[in-house]
Amino acid sequence: MNDAPVTAPPRAAALALGDDALVLSHRLGEWAGHAPVLEEEVALANIALDLLGQARILLSLVGDEDELAYLREERAFRNLQLVEQPNGDFARTIARQLYFSTYQLFLYQQLAAGDSAFTGLAAKAVKEVAYHQDHAAHWTLRLGDGTAESHERMARACGALWRYTGEMFEPVEGLEVDWRALEDSWRESVAGVLERATLTLPDGPRSGAWRAGAGRQGLHTEPFGPMLAEMQHLHRSHPGASW
């Protein structure tokens, strides 16, 4: 019988990854009933459900998933500022998804190849995250290399969200990741997609509203508070209810 103690997953890392997935899942869920076409409503809902599944597993590693999702205050969340940004128009949603899903794909590939508390989850999630990235890349190409208006909107969206991308590559305690290699792979992949979409990689500061890593420290942008209040409203209004 093996009496070796089970190593608990690093709390900071589980919250960071779990909050990223939870918050972006909610943002994508806001498209329900509002997507430009029915097929996209289904696609975005499926991506949101994939992310929610990841969030449930990650948060349950370090506590009660419902309490962590619905009873924490704003400053206790450790998600990237990128994922909390409002949907905006469809181009902005796609730019956000391209940036994040490309990051998540390379991150999970590294974690899947390692030996940590997150290896199993990452190995299972890589395939679904690869679909998320492919979906975002496909729409980036359609919009960037489409009409003059769609091109302009996609370029504007990529530029507006660029400032939040630097935070993704700030080391997270408990994650054994080659952050430099991750950033290089991400930048090469995103640049390739944008080039094929007749767009260019934005050039400017790559940090959050305060500094890189602010979301990981519990400092969030203005849109996060209203989003969190909406997400937590039902649970807080009916504590202990079940159905």
Protein backbone atom coordinates (compact mmCIF):
# COMPACT_ATOMS: atom_id res chain seq x y z
CA MET A 1 0.00 0.00 0.00
CA ASN A 2 1.39 3.38 -0.99
CA ASP A 3 1.32 5.74 1.99
CA ALA A 4 3.00 8.63 0.17
CA PRO A 5 1.10 11.89 0.73
CA VAL A 6 -0.89 13.26 -2.19
CA THR A 7 0.54 16.58 -3.28
CA ALA A 8 -2.14 19.26 -3.31
CA PRO A 9 -2.37 21.26 -6.54
CA PRO A 10 -0.88 24.76 -6.29
CA ARG A 11 -3.77 27.01 -5.27
CA ALA A 12 -2.55 30.11 -7.10
CA ALA A 13 -2.18 28.22 -10.37
CA ALA A 14 -5.54 26.43 -10.08
CA LEU A 15 -7.34 29.71 -9.40
CA ALA A 16 -5.57 31.49 -12.24
CA LEU A 17 -6.42 28.84 -14.82
CA GLY A 18 -9.87 28.20 -13.42
CA ASP A 19 -10.84 31.87 -13.26
CA ASP A 20 -9.64 32.45 -16.83
CA ALA A 21 -11.91 29.68 -18.07
CA LEU A 22 -14.86 30.67 -15.86
CA VAL A 23 -14.87 34.35 -16.77
CA LEU A 24 -14.42 33.80 -20.50
CA SER A 25 -17.13 31.13 -20.43
CA HIS A 26 -19.54 33.68 -19.00
CA ARG A 27 -18.55 36.32 -21.54
CA LEU A 28 -19.14 33.91 -24.43
CA GLY A 29 -22.43 32.84 -22.89
CA GLU A 30 -23.61 36.44 -23.19
CA TRP A 31 -23.87 35.86 -26.94
CA ALA A 32 -26.79 33.45 -26.42
CA GLY A 33 -29.67 34.88 -28.42
CA HIS A 34 -27.46 37.59 -29.92
CA ALA A 35 -24.95 35.83 -32.18
CA PRO A 36 -24.89 36.96 -35.84
CA VAL A 37 -26.04 33.56 -37.15
CA LEU A 38 -27.53 30.46 -35.53
CA GLU A 39 -24.47 28.33 -36.31
CA GLU A 40 -22.28 30.77 -34.41
CA GLU A 41 -24.64 30.82 -31.47
CA VAL A 42 -24.19 27.05 -31.18
CA ALA A 43 -20.40 27.25 -31.70
CA LEU A 44 -19.88 29.96 -29.08
CA ALA A 45 -22.14 28.13 -26.62
CA ASN A 46 -20.12 24.94 -27.09
CA ILE A 47 -16.84 26.79 -26.51
CA ALA A 48 -18.34 28.38 -23.40
CA LEU A 49 -19.37 24.94 -22.11
CA ASP A 50 -15.88 23.55 -22.76
CA LEU A 51 -14.38 26.39 -20.74
CA LEU A 52 -16.94 25.95 -17.97
CA GLY A 53 -16.01 22.28 -17.73
CA GLN A 54 -12.35 23.23 -17.36
CA ALA A 55 -13.24 25.81 -14.71
CA ARG A 56 -15.25 23.31 -12.67
CA ILE A 57 -12.38 20.82 -12.57
CA LEU A 58 -9.74 23.43 -11.76
CA LEU A 59 -11.72 25.19 -9.04
CA SER A 60 -12.80 21.90 -7.45
CA LEU A 61 -9.11 21.05 -6.99
CA VAL A 62 -8.79 23.78 -4.38
CA GLY A 63 -12.26 24.19 -2.88
CA ASP A 64 -16.00 24.14 -3.45
CA GLU A 65 -16.53 25.15 -7.07
CA ASP A 66 -19.85 26.93 -6.42
CA GLU A 67 -18.50 28.95 -3.52
CA LEU A 68 -15.40 29.94 -5.48
CA ALA A 69 -17.46 30.96 -8.50
CA TYR A 70 -20.36 32.72 -6.82
CA LEU A 71 -19.30 33.91 -3.37
CA ARG A 72 -15.85 35.43 -3.89
CA GLU A 73 -15.51 39.18 -4.14
CA GLU A 74 -13.98 40.88 -7.19
CA ARG A 75 -10.50 41.24 -5.71
CA ALA A 76 -10.33 37.49 -5.00
CA PHE A 77 -10.52 36.54 -8.68
CA ARG A 78 -7.20 35.84 -10.43
CA ASN A 79 -8.20 35.83 -14.10
CA LEU A 80 -6.40 37.67 -16.86
CA GLN A 81 -7.77 41.10 -17.63
CA LEU A 82 -8.08 40.02 -21.27
CA VAL A 83 -10.87 37.49 -20.66
CA GLU A 84 -13.04 39.93 -18.71
CA GLN A 85 -13.18 42.49 -21.53
CA PRO A 86 -16.72 43.05 -22.91
CA ASN A 87 -17.78 41.20 -26.03
CA GLY A 88 -18.20 44.37 -28.08
CA ASP A 89 -18.97 43.60 -31.69
CA PHE A 90 -18.31 40.16 -33.16
CA ALA A 91 -14.82 41.17 -34.34
CA ARG A 92 -13.81 42.13 -30.81
CA THR A 93 -15.05 38.80 -29.46
CA ILE A 94 -13.06 36.95 -32.11
CA ALA A 95 -9.87 38.96 -31.45
CA ARG A 96 -10.16 38.20 -27.73
CA GLN A 97 -10.72 34.53 -28.51
CA LEU A 98 -7.78 34.37 -30.92
CA TYR A 99 -5.40 35.88 -28.40
CA PHE A 100 -6.57 33.75 -25.48
CA SER A 101 -7.18 30.39 -27.16
CA THR A 102 -3.76 30.51 -28.85
CA TYR A 103 -2.17 31.19 -25.46
CA GLN A 104 -4.21 28.47 -23.79
CA LEU A 105 -3.34 25.94 -26.50
CA PHE A 106 0.42 26.35 -26.13
CA LEU A 107 0.12 26.53 -22.33
CA TYR A 108 -1.84 23.28 -22.12
CA GLN A 109 0.51 21.58 -24.55
CA GLN A 110 3.38 22.34 -22.20
CA LEU A 111 1.43 21.24 -19.14
CA ALA A 112 0.30 18.04 -20.86
CA ALA A 113 3.92 17.15 -21.59
CA GLY A 114 4.98 17.72 -17.98
CA ASP A 115 4.28 16.02 -14.68
CA SER A 116 2.12 18.15 -12.41
CA ALA A 117 -1.33 18.29 -10.86
CA PHE A 118 -2.56 19.81 -14.14
CA THR A 119 -1.10 17.26 -16.57
CA GLY A 120 -4.24 15.12 -16.84
CA LEU A 121 -6.59 18.04 -17.31
CA ALA A 122 -4.31 19.65 -19.88
CA ALA A 123 -3.95 16.43 -21.87
CA LYS A 124 -7.73 16.11 -22.12
CA ALA A 125 -8.32 19.80 -22.82
CA VAL A 126 -5.76 20.23 -25.61
CA LYS A 127 -8.07 18.86 -28.29
CA GLU A 128 -10.99 21.11 -27.40
CA VAL A 129 -8.73 24.14 -27.03
CA ALA A 130 -7.25 23.40 -30.46
CA TYR A 131 -10.80 23.67 -31.82
CA HIS A 132 -11.30 26.98 -30.01
CA GLN A 133 -8.13 28.34 -31.61
CA ASP A 134 -9.04 27.04 -35.05
CA HIS A 135 -12.51 28.58 -34.78
CA ALA A 136 -11.06 31.97 -33.84
CA ALA A 137 -8.44 31.80 -36.59
CA HIS A 138 -11.09 30.89 -39.16
CA TRP A 139 -13.21 33.92 -38.26
CA THR A 140 -10.19 36.20 -38.13
CA LEU A 141 -9.45 35.23 -41.72
CA ARG A 142 -13.07 35.73 -42.80
CA LEU A 143 -13.34 39.14 -41.21
CA GLY A 144 -9.84 40.40 -41.93
CA ASP A 145 -9.89 39.37 -45.56
CA GLY A 146 -13.58 40.13 -46.09
CA THR A 147 -15.25 43.44 -46.74
CA ALA A 148 -13.66 46.80 -46.10
CA GLU A 149 -15.84 47.23 -43.01
CA SER A 150 -15.10 43.77 -41.57
CA HIS A 151 -11.38 44.34 -42.17
CA GLU A 152 -11.49 47.67 -40.35
CA ARG A 153 -13.44 46.23 -37.42
CA MET A 154 -11.07 43.28 -37.05
CA ALA A 155 -8.01 45.53 -37.18
CA ARG A 156 -9.54 47.86 -34.61
CA ALA A 157 -10.42 44.96 -32.31
CA CYS A 158 -6.93 43.44 -32.47
CA GLY A 159 -5.40 46.80 -31.67
CA ALA A 160 -7.77 47.57 -28.80
CA LEU A 161 -7.11 44.26 -27.00
CA TRP A 162 -3.37 44.13 -27.64
CA ARG A 163 -2.53 45.96 -24.41
CA TYR A 164 -3.89 43.04 -22.38
CA THR A 165 -1.79 40.31 -24.00
CA GLY A 166 1.45 40.89 -22.09
CA GLU A 167 -0.12 39.68 -18.86
CA MET A 168 -0.52 36.18 -20.25
CA PHE A 169 3.23 35.57 -20.09
CA GLU A 170 3.86 36.71 -16.53
CA PRO A 171 4.89 33.60 -14.52
CA VAL A 172 2.18 32.04 -12.35
CA GLU A 173 3.23 30.44 -9.08
CA GLY A 174 2.87 26.67 -9.31
CA LEU A 175 2.98 26.37 -13.11
CA GLU A 176 6.09 24.70 -14.52
CA VAL A 177 6.11 26.49 -17.86
CA ASP A 178 8.76 27.90 -20.18
CA TRP A 179 7.15 31.34 -20.41
CA ARG A 180 9.60 32.69 -22.98
CA ALA A 181 8.99 29.76 -25.33
CA LEU A 182 5.25 30.09 -24.74
CA GLU A 183 5.29 33.76 -25.69
CA ASP A 184 7.45 33.13 -28.77
CA SER A 185 5.12 30.37 -30.00
CA TRP A 186 2.05 32.51 -29.31
CA ARG A 187 3.43 35.53 -31.12
CA GLU A 188 4.48 33.49 -34.16
CA SER A 189 1.09 31.79 -34.39
CA VAL A 190 -0.97 34.97 -33.96
CA ALA A 191 1.23 36.87 -36.41
CA GLY A 192 0.75 34.11 -38.98
CA VAL A 193 -3.04 34.19 -38.64
CA LEU A 194 -3.16 37.98 -38.89
CA GLU A 195 -0.87 38.01 -41.91
CA ARG A 196 -3.13 35.57 -43.75
CA ALA A 197 -6.06 37.76 -42.79
CA THR A 198 -4.34 40.79 -44.40
CA LEU A 199 -3.87 42.28 -40.94
CA THR A 200 -0.71 43.24 -39.08
CA LEU A 201 0.44 42.46 -35.57
CA PRO A 202 -0.37 45.49 -33.40
CA ASP A 203 2.56 47.52 -32.16
CA GLY A 204 2.28 49.07 -28.72
CA PRO A 205 2.45 48.48 -24.96
CA ARG A 206 1.45 44.99 -23.90
CA SER A 207 0.23 45.32 -20.35
CA GLY A 208 -2.93 45.69 -18.34
CA ALA A 209 -4.45 48.93 -17.18
CA TRP A 210 -2.01 49.15 -14.25
CA ARG A 211 0.83 46.81 -15.17
CA ALA A 212 1.35 43.31 -16.50
CA GLY A 213 -0.03 40.76 -14.08
CA ALA A 214 -2.63 43.03 -12.49
CA GLY A 215 -5.52 40.62 -13.06
CA ARG A 216 -3.53 37.81 -11.49
CA GLN A 217 -3.17 40.04 -8.41
CA GLY A 218 -6.90 40.72 -8.17
CA LEU A 219 -6.86 44.11 -9.87
CA HIS A 220 -9.50 44.18 -12.58
CA THR A 221 -10.81 46.54 -15.20
CA GLU A 222 -14.05 48.47 -14.86
CA PRO A 223 -16.25 46.05 -16.89
CA PHE A 224 -15.46 43.16 -14.56
CA GLY A 225 -17.57 44.35 -11.60
CA PRO A 226 -20.91 44.50 -13.46
CA MET A 227 -20.17 41.18 -15.18
CA LEU A 228 -19.41 39.50 -11.85
CA ALA A 229 -22.58 40.92 -10.26
CA GLU A 230 -24.66 39.45 -13.08
CA MET A 231 -22.90 36.09 -12.90
CA GLN A 232 -23.37 35.78 -9.13
CA HIS A 233 -26.85 37.32 -8.85
CA LEU A 234 -28.97 34.15 -8.81
CA HIS A 235 -26.78 32.24 -6.38
CA ARG A 236 -26.54 35.17 -3.96
CA SER A 237 -30.27 35.89 -4.23
CA HIS A 238 -31.25 32.32 -3.30
CA PRO A 239 -28.52 30.96 -0.98
CA GLY A 240 -28.71 27.24 -0.44
CA ALA A 241 -31.32 26.71 -3.15
CA SER A 242 -31.12 23.62 -5.37
CA TRP A 243 -33.19 22.24 -8.21
